[in-house]
Amino acid sequence: MEKQKQVYRYFRYDGKKLLAKREIPFEIKLSSRLILDELCYKWNKATIESAINEAIEHGDKEKFLKLSRQYKHFTFE
């Protein structure tokens, strides 16, 4: 039996292009989420600390009490 030959011809596709999405690995998603959470936590804590210090300097007791209640969430570790 004689071997058959196959000939391929390539034609340019003129239709709508398909876009393939590449999945991001779980480890990268998790580590990036943890880094962003840590950055947000530190920024919020620093902002509240500076506001508390400002309230102490100006002698605003009501603002100090309000901010100190918010700051309690950052002291629990």
C-alpha atoms as a PDB file:
ATOM      1  CA  MET A   1       0.000   0.000   0.000  1.00  0.00           C
ATOM      2  CA  GLU A   2       1.337   3.367  -0.968  1.00  0.00           C
ATOM      3  CA  LYS A   3       1.625   6.191   1.634  1.00  0.00           C
ATOM      4  CA  GLN A   4      -0.729   9.065   1.173  1.00  0.00           C
ATOM      5  CA  LYS A   5       0.554  12.590   1.335  1.00  0.00           C
ATOM      6  CA  GLN A   6      -1.326  15.449   2.946  1.00  0.00           C
ATOM      7  CA  VAL A   7      -0.925  18.985   1.801  1.00  0.00           C
ATOM      8  CA  TYR A   8      -1.947  21.867   4.049  1.00  0.00           C
ATOM      9  CA  ARG A   9      -2.783  25.323   2.825  1.00  0.00           C
ATOM     10  CA  TYR A  10      -3.045  28.242   5.194  1.00  0.00           C
ATOM     11  CA  PHE A  11      -5.487  31.042   4.473  1.00  0.00           C
ATOM     12  CA  ARG A  12      -5.698  34.284   6.365  1.00  0.00           C
ATOM     13  CA  TYR A  13      -8.772  34.357   8.614  1.00  0.00           C
ATOM     14  CA  ASP A  14     -10.819  37.503   7.962  1.00  0.00           C
ATOM     15  CA  GLY A  15     -13.488  36.909  10.602  1.00  0.00           C
ATOM     16  CA  LYS A  16     -13.852  38.225  14.140  1.00  0.00           C
ATOM     17  CA  LYS A  17     -10.781  37.660  16.295  1.00  0.00           C
ATOM     18  CA  LEU A  18     -11.058  35.520  19.374  1.00  0.00           C
ATOM     19  CA  LEU A  19      -9.415  36.784  22.543  1.00  0.00           C
ATOM     20  CA  ALA A  20      -8.125  34.166  24.937  1.00  0.00           C
ATOM     21  CA  LYS A  21      -7.864  35.004  28.619  1.00  0.00           C
ATOM     22  CA  ARG A  22      -5.110  33.530  30.659  1.00  0.00           C
ATOM     23  CA  GLU A  23      -6.018  32.551  34.202  1.00  0.00           C
ATOM     24  CA  ILE A  24      -4.021  34.115  36.999  1.00  0.00           C
ATOM     25  CA  PRO A  25      -2.748  31.459  39.397  1.00  0.00           C
ATOM     26  CA  PHE A  26      -4.427  31.259  42.796  1.00  0.00           C
ATOM     27  CA  GLU A  27      -1.180  31.905  44.674  1.00  0.00           C
ATOM     28  CA  ILE A  28      -0.640  35.214  42.889  1.00  0.00           C
ATOM     29  CA  LYS A  29      -4.236  36.273  43.495  1.00  0.00           C
ATOM     30  CA  LEU A  30      -3.970  35.414  47.183  1.00  0.00           C
ATOM     31  CA  SER A  31      -0.627  37.100  47.741  1.00  0.00           C
ATOM     32  CA  SER A  32      -1.688  40.269  45.917  1.00  0.00           C
ATOM     33  CA  ARG A  33      -4.907  40.394  47.953  1.00  0.00           C
ATOM     34  CA  LEU A  34      -2.965  39.993  51.209  1.00  0.00           C
ATOM     35  CA  ILE A  35      -0.517  42.734  50.241  1.00  0.00           C
ATOM     36  CA  LEU A  36      -3.343  45.134  49.344  1.00  0.00           C
ATOM     37  CA  ASP A  37      -5.162  44.351  52.601  1.00  0.00           C
ATOM     38  CA  GLU A  38      -1.999  45.017  54.601  1.00  0.00           C
ATOM     39  CA  LEU A  39      -1.413  48.333  52.809  1.00  0.00           C
ATOM     40  CA  CYS A  40      -5.000  49.457  53.403  1.00  0.00           C
ATOM     41  CA  TYR A  41      -4.804  48.407  57.055  1.00  0.00           C
ATOM     42  CA  LYS A  42      -1.604  50.382  57.661  1.00  0.00           C
ATOM     43  CA  TRP A  43      -2.885  53.461  55.822  1.00  0.00           C
ATOM     44  CA  ASN A  44      -6.202  53.487  57.711  1.00  0.00           C
ATOM     45  CA  LYS A  45      -4.413  53.009  61.037  1.00  0.00           C
ATOM     46  CA  ALA A  46      -1.970  55.838  60.331  1.00  0.00           C
ATOM     47  CA  THR A  47      -4.793  58.146  59.241  1.00  0.00           C
ATOM     48  CA  ILE A  48      -6.794  57.522  62.409  1.00  0.00           C
ATOM     49  CA  GLU A  49      -3.685  57.925  64.567  1.00  0.00           C
ATOM     50  CA  SER A  50      -2.908  61.301  63.017  1.00  0.00           C
ATOM     51  CA  ALA A  51      -6.544  62.400  63.452  1.00  0.00           C
ATOM     52  CA  ILE A  52      -6.446  61.333  67.125  1.00  0.00           C
ATOM     53  CA  ASN A  53      -3.221  63.254  67.665  1.00  0.00           C
ATOM     54  CA  GLU A  54      -4.762  66.305  66.020  1.00  0.00           C
ATOM     55  CA  ALA A  55      -7.846  66.034  68.235  1.00  0.00           C
ATOM     56  CA  ILE A  56      -5.615  65.844  71.322  1.00  0.00           C
ATOM     57  CA  GLU A  57      -3.662  68.927  70.232  1.00  0.00           C
ATOM     58  CA  HIS A  58      -6.852  70.934  69.676  1.00  0.00           C
ATOM     59  CA  GLY A  59      -8.509  69.620  72.842  1.00  0.00           C
ATOM     60  CA  ASP A  60     -11.555  68.226  71.015  1.00  0.00           C
ATOM     61  CA  LYS A  61     -12.800  65.562  73.429  1.00  0.00           C
ATOM     62  CA  GLU A  62     -15.833  64.432  71.386  1.00  0.00           C
ATOM     63  CA  LYS A  63     -13.770  63.864  68.248  1.00  0.00           C
ATOM     64  CA  PHE A  64     -11.123  62.055  70.306  1.00  0.00           C
ATOM     65  CA  LEU A  65     -13.697  59.665  71.805  1.00  0.00           C
ATOM     66  CA  LYS A  66     -15.233  58.985  68.388  1.00  0.00           C
ATOM     67  CA  LEU A  67     -11.842  58.268  66.800  1.00  0.00           C
ATOM     68  CA  SER A  68     -10.657  56.166  69.735  1.00  0.00           C
ATOM     69  CA  ARG A  69     -13.693  53.882  69.279  1.00  0.00           C
ATOM     70  CA  GLN A  70     -12.708  53.435  65.633  1.00  0.00           C
ATOM     71  CA  TYR A  71      -9.085  52.841  66.609  1.00  0.00           C
ATOM     72  CA  LYS A  72     -10.026  49.910  68.883  1.00  0.00           C
ATOM     73  CA  HIS A  73     -10.391  47.704  65.803  1.00  0.00           C
ATOM     74  CA  PHE A  74      -6.742  48.334  64.923  1.00  0.00           C
ATOM     75  CA  THR A  75      -5.374  47.532  68.395  1.00  0.00           C
ATOM     76  CA  PHE A  76      -6.853  44.019  68.469  1.00  0.00           C
ATOM     77  CA  GLU A  77      -4.137  41.770  67.069  1.00  0.00           C
END
